[in-house]
PDB file of N, CA and C in Angstrom:
ATOM      1  N   UNK A   1     103.036 -29.808  19.023  1.00  0.00           N
ATOM      2  CA  UNK A   1     103.341 -28.533  19.638  1.00  0.00           C
ATOM      3  C   UNK A   1     102.148 -27.600  19.442  1.00  0.00           C
ATOM      4  N   UNK A   2     101.828 -26.807  20.462  1.00  0.00           N
ATOM      5  CA  UNK A   2     100.743 -25.835  20.373  1.00  0.00           C
ATOM      6  C   UNK A   2     101.113 -24.721  19.416  1.00  0.00           C
ATOM      7  N   UNK A   3     100.180 -24.418  18.510  1.00  0.00           N
ATOM      8  CA  UNK A   3     100.377 -23.340  17.539  1.00  0.00           C
ATOM      9  C   UNK A   3      99.247 -22.329  17.702  1.00  0.00           C
ATOM     10  N   UNK A   4      99.606 -21.060  17.736  1.00  0.00           N
ATOM     11  CA  UNK A   4      98.630 -19.987  17.834  1.00  0.00           C
ATOM     12  C   UNK A   4      98.923 -18.964  16.747  1.00  0.00           C
ATOM     13  N   UNK A   5      97.897 -18.603  15.991  1.00  0.00           N
ATOM     14  CA  UNK A   5      98.019 -17.571  14.968  1.00  0.00           C
ATOM     15  C   UNK A   5      97.247 -16.345  15.429  1.00  0.00           C
ATOM     16  N   UNK A   6      97.960 -15.240  15.588  1.00  0.00           N
ATOM     17  CA  UNK A   6      97.322 -13.968  15.907  1.00  0.00           C
ATOM     18  C   UNK A   6      97.170 -13.258  14.569  1.00  0.00           C
ATOM     19  N   UNK A   7      95.939 -13.195  14.090  1.00  0.00           N
ATOM     20  CA  UNK A   7      95.664 -12.713  12.739  1.00  0.00           C
ATOM     21  C   UNK A   7      95.081 -11.308  12.753  1.00  0.00           C
ATOM     22  N   UNK A   8      95.378 -10.568  11.686  1.00  0.00           N
ATOM     23  CA  UNK A   8      94.734  -9.283  11.463  1.00  0.00           C
ATOM     24  C   UNK A   8      94.989  -8.314  12.602  1.00  0.00           C
ATOM     25  N   UNK A   9      96.235  -8.206  13.044  1.00  0.00           N
ATOM     26  CA  UNK A   9      96.565  -7.322  14.155  1.00  0.00           C
ATOM     27  C   UNK A   9      97.538  -6.244  13.703  1.00  0.00           C
ATOM     28  N   UNK A  10      97.723  -5.252  14.518  1.00  0.00           N
ATOM     29  CA  UNK A  10      98.724  -4.220  14.279  1.00  0.00           C
ATOM     30  C   UNK A  10      99.969  -4.645  15.052  1.00  0.00           C
ATOM     31  N   UNK A  11     101.119  -4.724  14.366  1.00  0.00           N
ATOM     32  CA  UNK A  11     102.339  -5.256  14.966  1.00  0.00           C
ATOM     33  C   UNK A  11     103.337  -4.131  15.210  1.00  0.00           C
ATOM     34  N   UNK A  12     103.730  -3.972  16.451  1.00  0.00           N
ATOM     35  CA  UNK A  12     104.776  -3.027  16.840  1.00  0.00           C
ATOM     36  C   UNK A  12     106.001  -3.879  17.136  1.00  0.00           C
ATOM     37  N   UNK A  13     107.000  -3.858  16.243  1.00  0.00           N
ATOM     38  CA  UNK A  13     108.107  -4.811  16.355  1.00  0.00           C
ATOM     39  C   UNK A  13     109.281  -4.337  17.200  1.00  0.00           C
ATOM     40  N   UNK A  14     109.230  -3.125  17.732  1.00  0.00           N
ATOM     41  CA  UNK A  14     110.303  -2.648  18.603  1.00  0.00           C
ATOM     42  C   UNK A  14     111.494  -2.082  17.856  1.00  0.00           C
ATOM     43  N   UNK A  15     111.414  -1.994  16.530  1.00  0.00           N
ATOM     44  CA  UNK A  15     112.543  -1.494  15.739  1.00  0.00           C
ATOM     45  C   UNK A  15     112.540   0.025  15.621  1.00  0.00           C
ATOM     46  N   UNK A  16     111.478   0.659  16.068  1.00  0.00           N
ATOM     47  CA  UNK A  16     111.335   2.095  15.911  1.00  0.00           C
ATOM     48  C   UNK A  16     110.444   2.457  14.733  1.00  0.00           C
ATOM     49  N   UNK A  17     110.119   1.469  13.913  1.00  0.00           N
ATOM     50  CA  UNK A  17     109.220   1.689  12.777  1.00  0.00           C
ATOM     51  C   UNK A  17     107.783   1.808  13.281  1.00  0.00           C
ATOM     52  N   UNK A  18     106.936   2.411  12.460  1.00  0.00           N
ATOM     53  CA  UNK A  18     105.528   2.512  12.849  1.00  0.00           C
ATOM     54  C   UNK A  18     104.893   1.122  12.807  1.00  0.00           C
ATOM     55  N   UNK A  19     103.857   0.885  13.618  1.00  0.00           N
ATOM     56  CA  UNK A  19     103.184  -0.421  13.588  1.00  0.00           C
ATOM     57  C   UNK A  19     102.648  -0.726  12.195  1.00  0.00           C
ATOM     58  N   UNK A  20     102.618  -2.010  11.853  1.00  0.00           N
ATOM     59  CA  UNK A  20     102.131  -2.436  10.547  1.00  0.00           C
ATOM     60  C   UNK A  20     101.125  -3.564  10.726  1.00  0.00           C
ATOM     61  N   UNK A  21     100.159  -3.690   9.798  1.00  0.00           N
ATOM     62  CA  UNK A  21      99.186  -4.767   9.899  1.00  0.00           C
ATOM     63  C   UNK A  21      99.810  -6.094   9.493  1.00  0.00           C
ATOM     64  N   UNK A  22      99.369  -7.175  10.145  1.00  0.00           N
ATOM     65  CA  UNK A  22      99.891  -8.480   9.771  1.00  0.00           C
ATOM     66  C   UNK A  22      99.437  -9.591  10.684  1.00  0.00           C
ATOM     67  N   UNK A  23     100.065 -10.752  10.497  1.00  0.00           N
ATOM     68  CA  UNK A  23      99.802 -11.966  11.274  1.00  0.00           C
ATOM     69  C   UNK A  23     101.077 -12.385  11.984  1.00  0.00           C
ATOM     70  N   UNK A  24     100.926 -13.036  13.133  1.00  0.00           N
ATOM     71  CA  UNK A  24     102.055 -13.588  13.890  1.00  0.00           C
ATOM     72  C   UNK A  24     101.711 -15.026  14.257  1.00  0.00           C
ATOM     73  N   UNK A  25     102.629 -15.949  13.964  1.00  0.00           N
ATOM     74  CA  UNK A  25     102.445 -17.358  14.302  1.00  0.00           C
ATOM     75  C   UNK A  25     103.381 -17.716  15.446  1.00  0.00           C
ATOM     76  N   UNK A  26     102.810 -18.306  16.502  1.00  0.00           N
ATOM     77  CA  UNK A  26     103.563 -18.706  17.689  1.00  0.00           C
ATOM     78  C   UNK A  26     103.469 -20.221  17.823  1.00  0.00           C
ATOM     79  N   UNK A  27     104.612 -20.875  17.996  1.00  0.00           N
ATOM     80  CA  UNK A  27     104.651 -22.316  18.282  1.00  0.00           C
ATOM     81  C   UNK A  27     105.260 -22.483  19.655  1.00  0.00           C
ATOM     82  N   UNK A  28     104.492 -23.105  20.554  1.00  0.00           N
ATOM     83  CA  UNK A  28     104.953 -23.214  21.932  1.00  0.00           C
ATOM     84  C   UNK A  28     105.071 -21.819  22.513  1.00  0.00           C
ATOM     85  N   UNK A  29     106.293 -21.421  22.859  1.00  0.00           N
ATOM     86  CA  UNK A  29     106.523 -20.093  23.421  1.00  0.00           C
ATOM     87  C   UNK A  29     107.391 -19.232  22.505  1.00  0.00           C
ATOM     88  N   UNK A  30     107.512 -19.617  21.236  1.00  0.00           N
ATOM     89  CA  UNK A  30     108.372 -18.875  20.307  1.00  0.00           C
ATOM     90  C   UNK A  30     107.587 -18.337  19.120  1.00  0.00           C
ATOM     91  N   UNK A  31     107.916 -17.108  18.738  1.00  0.00           N
ATOM     92  CA  UNK A  31     107.370 -16.547  17.508  1.00  0.00           C
ATOM     93  C   UNK A  31     108.148 -17.171  16.365  1.00  0.00           C
ATOM     94  N   UNK A  32     107.446 -17.839  15.451  1.00  0.00           N
ATOM     95  CA  UNK A  32     108.120 -18.517  14.344  1.00  0.00           C
ATOM     96  C   UNK A  32     107.887 -17.839  13.000  1.00  0.00           C
ATOM     97  N   UNK A  33     106.885 -16.954  12.906  1.00  0.00           N
ATOM     98  CA  UNK A  33     106.646 -16.265  11.640  1.00  0.00           C
ATOM     99  C   UNK A  33     105.879 -14.977  11.876  1.00  0.00           C
ATOM    100  N   UNK A  34     106.259 -13.959  11.103  1.00  0.00           N
ATOM    101  CA  UNK A  34     105.547 -12.685  11.072  1.00  0.00           C
ATOM    102  C   UNK A  34     105.331 -12.359   9.604  1.00  0.00           C
ATOM    103  N   UNK A  35     104.097 -12.054   9.235  1.00  0.00           N
ATOM    104  CA  UNK A  35     103.783 -11.755   7.831  1.00  0.00           C
ATOM    105  C   UNK A  35     103.126 -10.390   7.727  1.00  0.00           C
ATOM    106  N   UNK A  36     103.847  -9.426   7.140  1.00  0.00           N
ATOM    107  CA  UNK A  36     103.250  -8.113   6.884  1.00  0.00           C
ATOM    108  C   UNK A  36     102.047  -8.278   5.969  1.00  0.00           C
ATOM    109  N   UNK A  37     100.969  -7.606   6.316  1.00  0.00           N
ATOM    110  CA  UNK A  37      99.769  -7.668   5.490  1.00  0.00           C
ATOM    111  C   UNK A  37      98.910  -8.897   5.726  1.00  0.00           C
ATOM    112  N   UNK A  38      99.384  -9.817   6.548  1.00  0.00           N
ATOM    113  CA  UNK A  38      98.609 -11.017   6.859  1.00  0.00           C
ATOM    114  C   UNK A  38      98.785 -12.105   5.822  1.00  0.00           C
ATOM    115  N   UNK A  39      97.935 -13.116   5.922  1.00  0.00           N
ATOM    116  CA  UNK A  39      97.958 -14.208   4.960  1.00  0.00           C
ATOM    117  C   UNK A  39      98.731 -15.436   5.388  1.00  0.00           C
ATOM    118  N   UNK A  40      99.200 -15.499   6.649  1.00  0.00           N
ATOM    119  CA  UNK A  40      99.866 -16.731   7.098  1.00  0.00           C
ATOM    120  C   UNK A  40      98.850 -17.869   7.101  1.00  0.00           C
ATOM    121  N   UNK A  41      99.239 -19.067   6.655  1.00  0.00           N
ATOM    122  CA  UNK A  41      98.309 -20.200   6.663  1.00  0.00           C
ATOM    123  C   UNK A  41      97.902 -20.564   8.093  1.00  0.00           C
ATOM    124  N   UNK A  42      96.634 -20.837   8.276  1.00  0.00           N
ATOM    125  CA  UNK A  42      96.124 -21.165   9.613  1.00  0.00           C
ATOM    126  C   UNK A  42      96.465 -22.598  10.018  1.00  0.00           C
ATOM    127  N   UNK A  43      96.387 -23.521   9.083  1.00  0.00           N
ATOM    128  CA  UNK A  43      96.685 -24.913   9.406  1.00  0.00           C
ATOM    129  C   UNK A  43      95.894 -25.363  10.614  1.00  0.00           C
ATOM    130  N   UNK A  44      96.584 -25.994  11.581  1.00  0.00           N
ATOM    131  CA  UNK A  44      95.922 -26.485  12.793  1.00  0.00           C
ATOM    132  C   UNK A  44      96.072 -25.522  13.969  1.00  0.00           C
ATOM    133  N   UNK A  45      96.480 -24.281  13.692  1.00  0.00           N
ATOM    134  CA  UNK A  45      96.715 -23.316  14.765  1.00  0.00           C
ATOM    135  C   UNK A  45      95.406 -22.798  15.357  1.00  0.00           C
ATOM    136  N   UNK A  46      95.446 -22.522  16.648  1.00  0.00           N
ATOM    137  CA  UNK A  46      94.361 -21.793  17.307  1.00  0.00           C
ATOM    138  C   UNK A  46      94.465 -20.364  16.789  1.00  0.00           C
ATOM    139  N   UNK A  47      93.349 -19.766  16.387  1.00  0.00           N
ATOM    140  CA  UNK A  47      93.370 -18.429  15.789  1.00  0.00           C
ATOM    141  C   UNK A  47      92.799 -17.412  16.764  1.00  0.00           C
ATOM    142  N   UNK A  48      93.547 -16.333  16.957  1.00  0.00           N
ATOM    143  CA  UNK A  48      93.086 -15.196  17.752  1.00  0.00           C
ATOM    144  C   UNK A  48      92.917 -14.034  16.782  1.00  0.00           C
ATOM    145  N   UNK A  49      91.719 -13.462  16.736  1.00  0.00           N
ATOM    146  CA  UNK A  49      91.474 -12.313  15.883  1.00  0.00           C
ATOM    147  C   UNK A  49      92.017 -11.077  16.583  1.00  0.00           C
ATOM    148  N   UNK A  50      93.061 -10.504  16.018  1.00  0.00           N
ATOM    149  CA  UNK A  50      93.708  -9.347  16.628  1.00  0.00           C
ATOM    150  C   UNK A  50      93.185  -8.014  16.127  1.00  0.00           C
ATOM    151  N   UNK A  51      92.051  -8.006  15.446  1.00  0.00           N
ATOM    152  CA  UNK A  51      91.490  -6.769  14.908  1.00  0.00           C
ATOM    153  C   UNK A  51      91.305  -5.739  16.023  1.00  0.00           C
ATOM    154  N   UNK A  52      91.800  -4.543  15.806  1.00  0.00           N
ATOM    155  CA  UNK A  52      91.665  -3.473  16.793  1.00  0.00           C
ATOM    156  C   UNK A  52      92.686  -3.540  17.908  1.00  0.00           C
ATOM    157  N   UNK A  53      93.610  -4.504  17.839  1.00  0.00           N
ATOM    158  CA  UNK A  53      94.614  -4.683  18.891  1.00  0.00           C
ATOM    159  C   UNK A  53      96.013  -4.409  18.341  1.00  0.00           C
ATOM    160  N   UNK A  54      96.951  -4.123  19.241  1.00  0.00           N
ATOM    161  CA  UNK A  54      98.362  -3.956  18.880  1.00  0.00           C
ATOM    162  C   UNK A  54      99.160  -5.023  19.613  1.00  0.00           C
ATOM    163  N   UNK A  55      99.955  -5.770  18.853  1.00  0.00           N
ATOM    164  CA  UNK A  55     100.809  -6.814  19.416  1.00  0.00           C
ATOM    165  C   UNK A  55     102.218  -6.255  19.481  1.00  0.00           C
ATOM    166  N   UNK A  56     102.860  -6.367  20.648  1.00  0.00           N
ATOM    167  CA  UNK A  56     104.193  -5.799  20.801  1.00  0.00           C
ATOM    168  C   UNK A  56     105.068  -6.673  21.697  1.00  0.00           C
ATOM    169  N   UNK A  57     106.383  -6.637  21.502  1.00  0.00           N
ATOM    170  CA  UNK A  57     107.298  -7.444  22.310  1.00  0.00           C
ATOM    171  C   UNK A  57     107.661  -6.757  23.621  1.00  0.00           C
ATOM    172  N   UNK A  58     108.263  -7.510  24.483  1.00  0.00           N
ATOM    173  CA  UNK A  58     108.892  -6.944  25.669  1.00  0.00           C
ATOM    174  C   UNK A  58     107.963  -6.515  26.774  1.00  0.00           C
ATOM    175  N   UNK A  59     106.765  -7.034  26.801  1.00  0.00           N
ATOM    176  CA  UNK A  59     105.854  -6.669  27.882  1.00  0.00           C
ATOM    177  C   UNK A  59     106.071  -7.634  29.033  1.00  0.00           C
ATOM    178  N   UNK A  60     106.916  -7.230  29.960  1.00  0.00           N
ATOM    179  CA  UNK A  60     107.293  -8.102  31.077  1.00  0.00           C
ATOM    180  C   UNK A  60     106.844  -7.460  32.378  1.00  0.00           C
ATOM    181  N   UNK A  61     106.124  -8.205  33.171  1.00  0.00           N
ATOM    182  CA  UNK A  61     105.715  -7.740  34.491  1.00  0.00           C
ATOM    183  C   UNK A  61     106.883  -7.968  35.446  1.00  0.00           C
ATOM    184  N   UNK A  62     107.557  -6.916  35.884  1.00  0.00           N
ATOM    185  CA  UNK A  62     108.751  -7.100  36.715  1.00  0.00           C
ATOM    186  C   UNK A  62     108.470  -7.704  38.085  1.00  0.00           C
ATOM    187  N   UNK A  63     107.223  -7.678  38.534  1.00  0.00           N
ATOM    188  CA  UNK A  63     106.893  -8.243  39.839  1.00  0.00           C
ATOM    189  C   UNK A  63     106.528  -9.720  39.769  1.00  0.00           C
ATOM    190  N   UNK A  64     106.434 -10.259  38.563  1.00  0.00           N
ATOM    191  CA  UNK A  64     106.081 -11.658  38.381  1.00  0.00           C
ATOM    192  C   UNK A  64     107.345 -12.510  38.506  1.00  0.00           C
ATOM    193  N   UNK A  65     107.421 -13.338  39.511  1.00  0.00           N
ATOM    194  CA  UNK A  65     108.616 -14.142  39.744  1.00  0.00           C
ATOM    195  C   UNK A  65     108.705 -15.341  38.808  1.00  0.00           C
ATOM    196  N   UNK A  66     107.562 -16.004  38.592  1.00  0.00           N
ATOM    197  CA  UNK A  66     107.570 -17.158  37.699  1.00  0.00           C
ATOM    198  C   UNK A  66     106.137 -17.481  37.290  1.00  0.00           C
ATOM    199  N   UNK A  67     106.005 -18.048  36.114  1.00  0.00           N
ATOM    200  CA  UNK A  67     104.685 -18.448  35.641  1.00  0.00           C
ATOM    201  C   UNK A  67     104.393 -19.868  36.107  1.00  0.00           C
ATOM    202  N   UNK A  68     103.234 -20.074  36.678  1.00  0.00           N
ATOM    203  CA  UNK A  68     102.836 -21.411  37.085  1.00  0.00           C
ATOM    204  C   UNK A  68     102.485 -22.254  35.866  1.00  0.00           C
ATOM    205  N   UNK A  69     101.950 -21.604  34.836  1.00  0.00           N
ATOM    206  CA  UNK A  69     101.532 -22.283  33.624  1.00  0.00           C
ATOM    207  C   UNK A  69     102.663 -22.214  32.605  1.00  0.00           C
ATOM    208  N   UNK A  70     103.013 -23.316  31.988  1.00  0.00           N
ATOM    209  CA  UNK A  70     104.109 -23.339  31.023  1.00  0.00           C
ATOM    210  C   UNK A  70     103.686 -22.870  29.638  1.00  0.00           C
ATOM    211  N   UNK A  71     102.380 -22.586  29.443  1.00  0.00           N
ATOM    212  CA  UNK A  71     101.917 -22.094  28.157  1.00  0.00           C
ATOM    213  C   UNK A  71     102.453 -20.687  27.921  1.00  0.00           C
ATOM    214  N   UNK A  72     102.539 -20.306  26.665  1.00  0.00           N
ATOM    215  CA  UNK A  72     102.996 -18.959  26.324  1.00  0.00           C
ATOM    216  C   UNK A  72     102.033 -17.931  26.889  1.00  0.00           C
ATOM    217  N   UNK A  73     102.579 -16.860  27.407  1.00  0.00           N
ATOM    218  CA  UNK A  73     101.771 -15.760  27.896  1.00  0.00           C
ATOM    219  C   UNK A  73     101.686 -14.738  26.764  1.00  0.00           C
ATOM    220  N   UNK A  74     100.521 -14.623  26.168  1.00  0.00           N
ATOM    221  CA  UNK A  74     100.315 -13.695  25.063  1.00  0.00           C
ATOM    222  C   UNK A  74      99.479 -12.532  25.557  1.00  0.00           C
ATOM    223  N   UNK A  75      99.978 -11.342  25.341  1.00  0.00           N
ATOM    224  CA  UNK A  75      99.255 -10.149  25.747  1.00  0.00           C
ATOM    225  C   UNK A  75      98.927  -9.332  24.516  1.00  0.00           C
ATOM    226  N   UNK A  76      97.724  -8.788  24.483  1.00  0.00           N
ATOM    227  CA  UNK A  76      97.372  -7.894  23.396  1.00  0.00           C
ATOM    228  C   UNK A  76      96.874  -6.587  23.986  1.00  0.00           C
ATOM    229  N   UNK A  77      97.120  -5.497  23.266  1.00  0.00           N
ATOM    230  CA  UNK A  77      96.659  -4.184  23.688  1.00  0.00           C
ATOM    231  C   UNK A  77      95.367  -3.897  22.930  1.00  0.00           C
ATOM    232  N   UNK A  78      94.302  -3.668  23.666  1.00  0.00           N
ATOM    233  CA  UNK A  78      93.008  -3.390  23.045  1.00  0.00           C
ATOM    234  C   UNK A  78      92.334  -2.285  23.844  1.00  0.00           C
ATOM    235  N   UNK A  79      91.911  -1.266  23.159  1.00  0.00           N
ATOM    236  CA  UNK A  79      91.237  -0.142  23.799  1.00  0.00           C
ATOM    237  C   UNK A  79      92.066   0.458  24.941  1.00  0.00           C
ATOM    238  N   UNK A  80      93.397   0.461  24.778  1.00  0.00           N
ATOM    239  CA  UNK A  80      94.256   1.056  25.786  1.00  0.00           C
ATOM    240  C   UNK A  80      94.557   0.176  26.980  1.00  0.00           C
ATOM    241  N   UNK A  81      94.112  -1.076  26.979  1.00  0.00           N
ATOM    242  CA  UNK A  81      94.328  -1.993  28.102  1.00  0.00           C
ATOM    243  C   UNK A  81      95.014  -3.262  27.620  1.00  0.00           C
ATOM    244  N   UNK A  82      95.809  -3.873  28.484  1.00  0.00           N
ATOM    245  CA  UNK A  82      96.435  -5.156  28.167  1.00  0.00           C
ATOM    246  C   UNK A  82      95.485  -6.283  28.544  1.00  0.00           C
ATOM    247  N   UNK A  83      95.392  -7.277  27.666  1.00  0.00           N
ATOM    248  CA  UNK A  83      94.530  -8.431  27.914  1.00  0.00           C
ATOM    249  C   UNK A  83      95.346  -9.693  27.700  1.00  0.00           C
ATOM    250  N   UNK A  84      95.239 -10.645  28.602  1.00  0.00           N
ATOM    251  CA  UNK A  84      95.861 -11.961  28.402  1.00  0.00           C
ATOM    252  C   UNK A  84      94.919 -12.779  27.549  1.00  0.00           C
ATOM    253  N   UNK A  85      95.463 -13.431  26.528  1.00  0.00           N
ATOM    254  CA  UNK A  85      94.624 -14.255  25.680  1.00  0.00           C
ATOM    255  C   UNK A  85      94.232 -15.525  26.435  1.00  0.00           C
ATOM    256  N   UNK A  86      93.081 -16.101  26.070  1.00  0.00           N
ATOM    257  CA  UNK A  86      92.643 -17.331  26.770  1.00  0.00           C
ATOM    258  C   UNK A  86      93.547 -18.495  26.484  1.00  0.00           C
TER     259      UNK A  86
END
């Protein structure tokens, strides 16, 4: 299964709390771990350096009918703009 670690990012979890620094591990299309302060093991995961970015849930493009690619769509906020990860 594809594993992606978004490390050293600011996490906005949607709970109403202020964003916090940490790591997020994604397997396939599911978030499987969130670690406040970082330190999640990298293992065989592809690593995305989230420094200077904010990771947040619920970013859905309402005009997008379906994704042609079955890979997870990861978006990060950097410098006020959304970027799709490679």
